[in-house]
Amino acid sequence: MSKSYWLINSNRTEVKRFMRNDKSISGVFEYMFVDTGKILDISGKEPPVMTNTVSVDIDLAREIYERLLSQGWTKIEEVWKKKES
């Protein structure tokens, strides 16, 4: 699985996850998944509810990422633990 890059809005109510599409052909067709999630648990212990996923060209994903940062979103590490089976 690809490394993911997370942003959170200033209200701490919404997150975006940027993750490279593993099926992309490096140097030819490179796409990123951009996931949107809502944070419902204000304590931050529960993972966000992912509400939307789009696949965009890697250059557009970079533009979106930079635009969000300029609008006050901040970088975060994924803090939600993966559920054990």
PDB file of N, CA and C in Angstrom:
ATOM      1  N   MET A   1       0.842  -1.182   0.000  1.00  0.00           N
ATOM      2  CA  MET A   1       0.000   0.000   0.000  1.00  0.00           C
ATOM      3  C   MET A   1       0.885   1.242   0.000  1.00  0.00           C
ATOM      4  N   SER A   2       0.494   2.230  -0.738  1.00  0.00           N
ATOM      5  CA  SER A   2       1.261   3.463  -0.862  1.00  0.00           C
ATOM      6  C   SER A   2       1.201   4.291   0.410  1.00  0.00           C
ATOM      7  N   LYS A   3       2.222   5.105   0.581  1.00  0.00           N
ATOM      8  CA  LYS A   3       2.230   6.054   1.695  1.00  0.00           C
ATOM      9  C   LYS A   3       1.115   7.063   1.463  1.00  0.00           C
ATOM     10  N   SER A   4       0.484   7.474   2.546  1.00  0.00           N
ATOM     11  CA  SER A   4      -0.586   8.457   2.424  1.00  0.00           C
ATOM     12  C   SER A   4      -0.176   9.757   3.093  1.00  0.00           C
ATOM     13  N   TYR A   5      -0.742  10.847   2.605  1.00  0.00           N
ATOM     14  CA  TYR A   5      -0.474  12.182   3.112  1.00  0.00           C
ATOM     15  C   TYR A   5      -1.806  12.774   3.547  1.00  0.00           C
ATOM     16  N   TRP A   6      -1.867  13.239   4.780  1.00  0.00           N
ATOM     17  CA  TRP A   6      -3.112  13.694   5.387  1.00  0.00           C
ATOM     18  C   TRP A   6      -3.092  15.187   5.654  1.00  0.00           C
ATOM     19  N   LEU A   7      -4.244  15.818   5.459  1.00  0.00           N
ATOM     20  CA  LEU A   7      -4.463  17.212   5.836  1.00  0.00           C
ATOM     21  C   LEU A   7      -5.725  17.277   6.682  1.00  0.00           C
ATOM     22  N   ILE A   8      -5.774  18.251   7.601  1.00  0.00           N
ATOM     23  CA  ILE A   8      -6.962  18.468   8.419  1.00  0.00           C
ATOM     24  C   ILE A   8      -7.318  19.945   8.364  1.00  0.00           C
ATOM     25  N   ASN A   9      -8.620  20.239   8.341  1.00  0.00           N
ATOM     26  CA  ASN A   9      -9.028  21.643   8.273  1.00  0.00           C
ATOM     27  C   ASN A   9      -8.878  22.299   9.642  1.00  0.00           C
ATOM     28  N   SER A  10      -8.959  23.622   9.677  1.00  0.00           N
ATOM     29  CA  SER A  10      -8.714  24.370  10.910  1.00  0.00           C
ATOM     30  C   SER A  10      -9.764  24.091  11.983  1.00  0.00           C
ATOM     31  N   ASN A  11     -10.955  23.690  11.596  1.00  0.00           N
ATOM     32  CA  ASN A  11     -12.013  23.356  12.561  1.00  0.00           C
ATOM     33  C   ASN A  11     -11.867  21.948  13.118  1.00  0.00           C
ATOM     34  N   ARG A  12     -10.950  21.176  12.542  1.00  0.00           N
ATOM     35  CA  ARG A  12     -10.718  19.781  12.922  1.00  0.00           C
ATOM     36  C   ARG A  12     -11.967  18.916  12.741  1.00  0.00           C
ATOM     37  N   THR A  13     -12.704  19.208  11.656  1.00  0.00           N
ATOM     38  CA  THR A  13     -13.928  18.459  11.363  1.00  0.00           C
ATOM     39  C   THR A  13     -13.832  17.649  10.076  1.00  0.00           C
ATOM     40  N   GLU A  14     -12.800  17.908   9.287  1.00  0.00           N
ATOM     41  CA  GLU A  14     -12.691  17.251   7.985  1.00  0.00           C
ATOM     42  C   GLU A  14     -11.227  16.945   7.693  1.00  0.00           C
ATOM     43  N   VAL A  15     -10.996  15.813   7.042  1.00  0.00           N
ATOM     44  CA  VAL A  15      -9.650  15.433   6.636  1.00  0.00           C
ATOM     45  C   VAL A  15      -9.639  15.120   5.148  1.00  0.00           C
ATOM     46  N   LYS A  16      -8.457  15.219   4.572  1.00  0.00           N
ATOM     47  CA  LYS A  16      -8.214  14.772   3.196  1.00  0.00           C
ATOM     48  C   LYS A  16      -7.020  13.835   3.252  1.00  0.00           C
ATOM     49  N   ARG A  17      -7.129  12.728   2.536  1.00  0.00           N
ATOM     50  CA  ARG A  17      -6.016  11.784   2.417  1.00  0.00           C
ATOM     51  C   ARG A  17      -5.614  11.718   0.954  1.00  0.00           C
ATOM     52  N   PHE A  18      -4.329  11.881   0.698  1.00  0.00           N
ATOM     53  CA  PHE A  18      -3.779  11.805  -0.648  1.00  0.00           C
ATOM     54  C   PHE A  18      -2.915  10.551  -0.697  1.00  0.00           C
ATOM     55  N   MET A  19      -3.222   9.664  -1.661  1.00  0.00           N
ATOM     56  CA  MET A  19      -2.510   8.400  -1.753  1.00  0.00           C
ATOM     57  C   MET A  19      -2.318   8.038  -3.223  1.00  0.00           C
ATOM     58  N   ARG A  20      -1.098   7.680  -3.575  1.00  0.00           N
ATOM     59  CA  ARG A  20      -0.792   7.317  -4.955  1.00  0.00           C
ATOM     60  C   ARG A  20      -1.553   6.059  -5.337  1.00  0.00           C
ATOM     61  N   ASN A  21      -2.113   6.069  -6.528  1.00  0.00           N
ATOM     62  CA  ASN A  21      -2.786   4.896  -7.074  1.00  0.00           C
ATOM     63  C   ASN A  21      -1.714   3.883  -7.471  1.00  0.00           C
ATOM     64  N   ASP A  22      -1.688   2.740  -6.807  1.00  0.00           N
ATOM     65  CA  ASP A  22      -0.673   1.714  -7.075  1.00  0.00           C
ATOM     66  C   ASP A  22      -0.731   1.176  -8.497  1.00  0.00           C
ATOM     67  N   LYS A  23      -1.837   1.389  -9.181  1.00  0.00           N
ATOM     68  CA  LYS A  23      -1.975   0.895 -10.548  1.00  0.00           C
ATOM     69  C   LYS A  23      -1.431   1.895 -11.571  1.00  0.00           C
ATOM     70  N   SER A  24      -0.948   3.047 -11.091  1.00  0.00           N
ATOM     71  CA  SER A  24      -0.370   4.048 -11.987  1.00  0.00           C
ATOM     72  C   SER A  24       0.901   3.501 -12.623  1.00  0.00           C
ATOM     73  N   ILE A  25       1.170   3.960 -13.826  1.00  0.00           N
ATOM     74  CA  ILE A  25       2.401   3.596 -14.520  1.00  0.00           C
ATOM     75  C   ILE A  25       3.361   4.764 -14.335  1.00  0.00           C
ATOM     76  N   SER A  26       4.386   4.561 -13.530  1.00  0.00           N
ATOM     77  CA  SER A  26       5.321   5.626 -13.174  1.00  0.00           C
ATOM     78  C   SER A  26       5.892   6.298 -14.412  1.00  0.00           C
ATOM     79  N   GLY A  27       5.794   7.629 -14.443  1.00  0.00           N
ATOM     80  CA  GLY A  27       6.319   8.402 -15.553  1.00  0.00           C
ATOM     81  C   GLY A  27       5.383   8.499 -16.739  1.00  0.00           C
ATOM     82  N   VAL A  28       4.301   7.740 -16.740  1.00  0.00           N
ATOM     83  CA  VAL A  28       3.365   7.765 -17.865  1.00  0.00           C
ATOM     84  C   VAL A  28       2.000   8.258 -17.395  1.00  0.00           C
ATOM     85  N   PHE A  29       1.304   7.438 -16.665  1.00  0.00           N
ATOM     86  CA  PHE A  29      -0.001   7.791 -16.113  1.00  0.00           C
ATOM     87  C   PHE A  29       0.098   7.687 -14.599  1.00  0.00           C
ATOM     88  N   GLU A  30       0.224   8.834 -13.945  1.00  0.00           N
ATOM     89  CA  GLU A  30       0.317   8.818 -12.495  1.00  0.00           C
ATOM     90  C   GLU A  30      -0.901   9.510 -11.907  1.00  0.00           C
ATOM     91  N   TYR A  31      -1.596   8.788 -11.046  1.00  0.00           N
ATOM     92  CA  TYR A  31      -2.820   9.293 -10.435  1.00  0.00           C
ATOM     93  C   TYR A  31      -2.745   9.164  -8.925  1.00  0.00           C
ATOM     94  N   MET A  32      -3.486  10.029  -8.254  1.00  0.00           N
ATOM     95  CA  MET A  32      -3.604   9.993  -6.803  1.00  0.00           C
ATOM     96  C   MET A  32      -5.070   9.833  -6.456  1.00  0.00           C
ATOM     97  N   PHE A  33      -5.325   9.096  -5.390  1.00  0.00           N
ATOM     98  CA  PHE A  33      -6.654   9.082  -4.810  1.00  0.00           C
ATOM     99  C   PHE A  33      -6.704  10.216  -3.796  1.00  0.00           C
ATOM    100  N   VAL A  34      -7.765  10.996  -3.844  1.00  0.00           N
ATOM    101  CA  VAL A  34      -7.991  12.030  -2.846  1.00  0.00           C
ATOM    102  C   VAL A  34      -9.281  11.658  -2.132  1.00  0.00           C
ATOM    103  N   ASP A  35      -9.125  11.276  -0.876  1.00  0.00           N
ATOM    104  CA  ASP A  35     -10.258  10.867  -0.055  1.00  0.00           C
ATOM    105  C   ASP A  35     -10.645  12.017   0.864  1.00  0.00           C
ATOM    106  N   THR A  36     -11.935  12.186   1.083  1.00  0.00           N
ATOM    107  CA  THR A  36     -12.448  13.176   2.020  1.00  0.00           C
ATOM    108  C   THR A  36     -13.144  12.437   3.146  1.00  0.00           C
ATOM    109  N   GLY A  37     -12.902  12.887   4.364  1.00  0.00           N
ATOM    110  CA  GLY A  37     -13.531  12.252   5.516  1.00  0.00           C
ATOM    111  C   GLY A  37     -14.012  13.277   6.519  1.00  0.00           C
ATOM    112  N   LYS A  38     -15.060  12.919   7.224  1.00  0.00           N
ATOM    113  CA  LYS A  38     -15.624  13.749   8.290  1.00  0.00           C
ATOM    114  C   LYS A  38     -15.203  13.174   9.634  1.00  0.00           C
ATOM    115  N   ILE A  39     -14.753  14.054  10.523  1.00  0.00           N
ATOM    116  CA  ILE A  39     -14.413  13.631  11.873  1.00  0.00           C
ATOM    117  C   ILE A  39     -15.661  13.783  12.726  1.00  0.00           C
ATOM    118  N   LEU A  40     -16.167  12.664  13.211  1.00  0.00           N
ATOM    119  CA  LEU A  40     -17.387  12.676  14.011  1.00  0.00           C
ATOM    120  C   LEU A  40     -17.080  12.571  15.504  1.00  0.00           C
ATOM    121  N   ASP A  41     -15.942  11.973  15.837  1.00  0.00           N
ATOM    122  CA  ASP A  41     -15.546  11.773  17.227  1.00  0.00           C
ATOM    123  C   ASP A  41     -14.594  12.897  17.633  1.00  0.00           C
ATOM    124  N   ILE A  42     -15.079  13.839  18.442  1.00  0.00           N
ATOM    125  CA  ILE A  42     -14.255  15.001  18.782  1.00  0.00           C
ATOM    126  C   ILE A  42     -13.051  14.647  19.647  1.00  0.00           C
ATOM    127  N   SER A  43     -13.066  13.470  20.274  1.00  0.00           N
ATOM    128  CA  SER A  43     -11.905  13.063  21.073  1.00  0.00           C
ATOM    129  C   SER A  43     -10.736  12.664  20.181  1.00  0.00           C
ATOM    130  N   GLY A  44     -11.021  12.364  18.903  1.00  0.00           N
ATOM    131  CA  GLY A  44      -9.970  12.001  17.963  1.00  0.00           C
ATOM    132  C   GLY A  44      -9.549  10.546  18.019  1.00  0.00           C
ATOM    133  N   LYS A  45     -10.246   9.737  18.790  1.00  0.00           N
ATOM    134  CA  LYS A  45      -9.865   8.329  18.927  1.00  0.00           C
ATOM    135  C   LYS A  45     -10.412   7.460  17.801  1.00  0.00           C
ATOM    136  N   GLU A  46     -11.554   7.832  17.271  1.00  0.00           N
ATOM    137  CA  GLU A  46     -12.167   7.056  16.199  1.00  0.00           C
ATOM    138  C   GLU A  46     -11.743   7.641  14.846  1.00  0.00           C
ATOM    139  N   PRO A  47     -11.530   6.776  13.858  1.00  0.00           N
ATOM    140  CA  PRO A  47     -11.141   7.279  12.538  1.00  0.00           C
ATOM    141  C   PRO A  47     -12.275   8.073  11.897  1.00  0.00           C
ATOM    142  N   PRO A  48     -11.920   8.961  10.984  1.00  0.00           N
ATOM    143  CA  PRO A  48     -12.960   9.721  10.287  1.00  0.00           C
ATOM    144  C   PRO A  48     -13.798   8.802   9.405  1.00  0.00           C
ATOM    145  N   VAL A  49     -15.003   9.232   9.143  1.00  0.00           N
ATOM    146  CA  VAL A  49     -15.875   8.519   8.217  1.00  0.00           C
ATOM    147  C   VAL A  49     -15.554   9.047   6.823  1.00  0.00           C
ATOM    148  N   MET A  50     -14.999   8.180   5.987  1.00  0.00           N
ATOM    149  CA  MET A  50     -14.621   8.609   4.641  1.00  0.00           C
ATOM    150  C   MET A  50     -15.886   8.723   3.797  1.00  0.00           C
ATOM    151  N   THR A  51     -16.071   9.885   3.187  1.00  0.00           N
ATOM    152  CA  THR A  51     -17.320  10.172   2.488  1.00  0.00           C
ATOM    153  C   THR A  51     -17.181  10.247   0.979  1.00  0.00           C
ATOM    154  N   ASN A  52     -15.949  10.450   0.488  1.00  0.00           N
ATOM    155  CA  ASN A  52     -15.791  10.648  -0.949  1.00  0.00           C
ATOM    156  C   ASN A  52     -14.367  10.287  -1.361  1.00  0.00           C
ATOM    157  N   THR A  53     -14.232   9.693  -2.531  1.00  0.00           N
ATOM    158  CA  THR A  53     -12.920   9.397  -3.107  1.00  0.00           C
ATOM    159  C   THR A  53     -12.944   9.768  -4.578  1.00  0.00           C
ATOM    160  N   VAL A  54     -11.911  10.496  -4.998  1.00  0.00           N
ATOM    161  CA  VAL A  54     -11.753  10.795  -6.415  1.00  0.00           C
ATOM    162  C   VAL A  54     -10.339  10.420  -6.828  1.00  0.00           C
ATOM    163  N   SER A  55     -10.172  10.080  -8.084  1.00  0.00           N
ATOM    164  CA  SER A  55      -8.859   9.797  -8.644  1.00  0.00           C
ATOM    165  C   SER A  55      -8.521  10.923  -9.600  1.00  0.00           C
ATOM    166  N   VAL A  56      -7.386  11.581  -9.329  1.00  0.00           N
ATOM    167  CA  VAL A  56      -6.994  12.721 -10.156  1.00  0.00           C
ATOM    168  C   VAL A  56      -5.546  12.569 -10.585  1.00  0.00           C
ATOM    169  N   ASP A  57      -5.210  13.256 -11.665  1.00  0.00           N
ATOM    170  CA  ASP A  57      -3.840  13.312 -12.147  1.00  0.00           C
ATOM    171  C   ASP A  57      -2.942  13.813 -11.012  1.00  0.00           C
ATOM    172  N   ILE A  58      -1.733  13.299 -10.941  1.00  0.00           N
ATOM    173  CA  ILE A  58      -0.840  13.629  -9.836  1.00  0.00           C
ATOM    174  C   ILE A  58      -0.547  15.136  -9.753  1.00  0.00           C
ATOM    175  N   ASP A  59      -0.462  15.807 -10.891  1.00  0.00           N
ATOM    176  CA  ASP A  59      -0.218  17.259 -10.872  1.00  0.00           C
ATOM    177  C   ASP A  59      -1.400  18.009 -10.280  1.00  0.00           C
ATOM    178  N   LEU A  60      -2.612  17.588 -10.603  1.00  0.00           N
ATOM    179  CA  LEU A  60      -3.796  18.211 -10.028  1.00  0.00           C
ATOM    180  C   LEU A  60      -3.867  17.932  -8.536  1.00  0.00           C
ATOM    181  N   ALA A  61      -3.501  16.735  -8.114  1.00  0.00           N
ATOM    182  CA  ALA A  61      -3.492  16.400  -6.688  1.00  0.00           C
ATOM    183  C   ALA A  61      -2.528  17.320  -5.940  1.00  0.00           C
ATOM    184  N   ARG A  62      -1.382  17.591  -6.534  1.00  0.00           N
ATOM    185  CA  ARG A  62      -0.415  18.514  -5.907  1.00  0.00           C
ATOM    186  C   ARG A  62      -1.004  19.921  -5.787  1.00  0.00           C
ATOM    187  N   GLU A  63      -1.691  20.364  -6.828  1.00  0.00           N
ATOM    188  CA  GLU A  63      -2.321  21.688  -6.797  1.00  0.00           C
ATOM    189  C   GLU A  63      -3.373  21.758  -5.688  1.00  0.00           C
ATOM    190  N   ILE A  64      -4.202  20.734  -5.583  1.00  0.00           N
ATOM    191  CA  ILE A  64      -5.241  20.696  -4.549  1.00  0.00           C
ATOM    192  C   ILE A  64      -4.592  20.726  -3.167  1.00  0.00           C
ATOM    193  N   TYR A  65      -3.552  19.927  -2.979  1.00  0.00           N
ATOM    194  CA  TYR A  65      -2.846  19.845  -1.703  1.00  0.00           C
ATOM    195  C   TYR A  65      -2.295  21.220  -1.313  1.00  0.00           C
ATOM    196  N   GLU A  66      -1.613  21.866  -2.235  1.00  0.00           N
ATOM    197  CA  GLU A  66      -1.025  23.184  -1.965  1.00  0.00           C
ATOM    198  C   GLU A  66      -2.106  24.234  -1.712  1.00  0.00           C
ATOM    199  N   ARG A  67      -3.206  24.174  -2.457  1.00  0.00           N
ATOM    200  CA  ARG A  67      -4.300  25.133  -2.267  1.00  0.00           C
ATOM    201  C   ARG A  67      -4.909  24.972  -0.877  1.00  0.00           C
ATOM    202  N   LEU A  68      -5.112  23.731  -0.457  1.00  0.00           N
ATOM    203  CA  LEU A  68      -5.667  23.493   0.874  1.00  0.00           C
ATOM    204  C   LEU A  68      -4.729  24.016   1.965  1.00  0.00           C
ATOM    205  N   LEU A  69      -3.424  23.801   1.797  1.00  0.00           N
ATOM    206  CA  LEU A  69      -2.469  24.327   2.769  1.00  0.00           C
ATOM    207  C   LEU A  69      -2.557  25.855   2.848  1.00  0.00           C
ATOM    208  N   SER A  70      -2.712  26.501   1.695  1.00  0.00           N
ATOM    209  CA  SER A  70      -2.797  27.972   1.684  1.00  0.00           C
ATOM    210  C   SER A  70      -4.101  28.473   2.297  1.00  0.00           C
ATOM    211  N   GLN A  71      -5.107  27.590   2.398  1.00  0.00           N
ATOM    212  CA  GLN A  71      -6.393  27.960   2.985  1.00  0.00           C
ATOM    213  C   GLN A  71      -6.477  27.621   4.475  1.00  0.00           C
ATOM    214  N   GLY A  72      -5.361  27.215   5.059  1.00  0.00           N
ATOM    215  CA  GLY A  72      -5.345  26.969   6.491  1.00  0.00           C
ATOM    216  C   GLY A  72      -5.379  25.514   6.926  1.00  0.00           C
ATOM    217  N   TRP A  73      -5.454  24.587   5.978  1.00  0.00           N
ATOM    218  CA  TRP A  73      -5.383  23.174   6.344  1.00  0.00           C
ATOM    219  C   TRP A  73      -3.958  22.889   6.812  1.00  0.00           C
ATOM    220  N   THR A  74      -3.789  21.902   7.681  1.00  0.00           N
ATOM    221  CA  THR A  74      -2.460  21.563   8.175  1.00  0.00           C
ATOM    222  C   THR A  74      -2.167  20.084   7.946  1.00  0.00           C
ATOM    223  N   LYS A  75      -0.875  19.791   7.837  1.00  0.00           N
ATOM    224  CA  LYS A  75      -0.435  18.412   7.652  1.00  0.00           C
ATOM    225  C   LYS A  75      -0.545  17.679   8.974  1.00  0.00           C
ATOM    226  N   ILE A  76      -0.985  16.430   8.896  1.00  0.00           N
ATOM    227  CA  ILE A  76      -1.027  15.567  10.069  1.00  0.00           C
ATOM    228  C   ILE A  76      -0.547  14.179   9.668  1.00  0.00           C
ATOM    229  N   GLU A  77      -0.145  13.422  10.657  1.00  0.00           N
ATOM    230  CA  GLU A  77       0.147  12.011  10.442  1.00  0.00           C
ATOM    231  C   GLU A  77      -1.138  11.240  10.699  1.00  0.00           C
ATOM    232  N   GLU A  78      -1.271  10.103  10.078  1.00  0.00           N
ATOM    233  CA  GLU A  78      -2.437   9.267  10.360  1.00  0.00           C
ATOM    234  C   GLU A  78      -2.319   8.787  11.804  1.00  0.00           C
ATOM    235  N   VAL A  79      -3.304   9.109  12.611  1.00  0.00           N
ATOM    236  CA  VAL A  79      -3.249   8.760  14.027  1.00  0.00           C
ATOM    237  C   VAL A  79      -4.236   7.659  14.400  1.00  0.00           C
ATOM    238  N   TRP A  80      -5.024   7.221  13.454  1.00  0.00           N
ATOM    239  CA  TRP A  80      -6.046   6.220  13.752  1.00  0.00           C
ATOM    240  C   TRP A  80      -5.455   4.851  13.529  1.00  0.00           C
ATOM    241  N   LYS A  81      -5.594   4.014  14.506  1.00  0.00           N
ATOM    242  CA  LYS A  81      -5.057   2.653  14.432  1.00  0.00           C
ATOM    243  C   LYS A  81      -5.897   1.801  13.500  1.00  0.00           C
ATOM    244  N   LYS A  82      -5.232   0.944  12.763  1.00  0.00           N
ATOM    245  CA  LYS A  82      -5.913  -0.011  11.900  1.00  0.00           C
ATOM    246  C   LYS A  82      -6.570  -1.064  12.774  1.00  0.00           C
ATOM    247  N   LYS A  83      -7.780  -1.461  12.408  1.00  0.00           N
ATOM    248  CA  LYS A  83      -8.502  -2.494  13.160  1.00  0.00           C
ATOM    249  C   LYS A  83      -7.839  -3.839  12.912  1.00  0.00           C
ATOM    250  N   GLU A  84      -7.623  -4.575  13.965  1.00  0.00           N
ATOM    251  CA  GLU A  84      -7.057  -5.929  13.867  1.00  0.00           C
ATOM    252  C   GLU A  84      -8.183  -6.904  13.527  1.00  0.00           C
ATOM    253  N   SER A  85      -7.901  -7.865  12.664  1.00  0.00           N
ATOM    254  CA  SER A  85      -8.918  -8.864  12.282  1.00  0.00           C
ATOM    255  C   SER A  85      -8.955  -9.990  13.278  1.00  0.00           C
TER     256      SER A  85
END
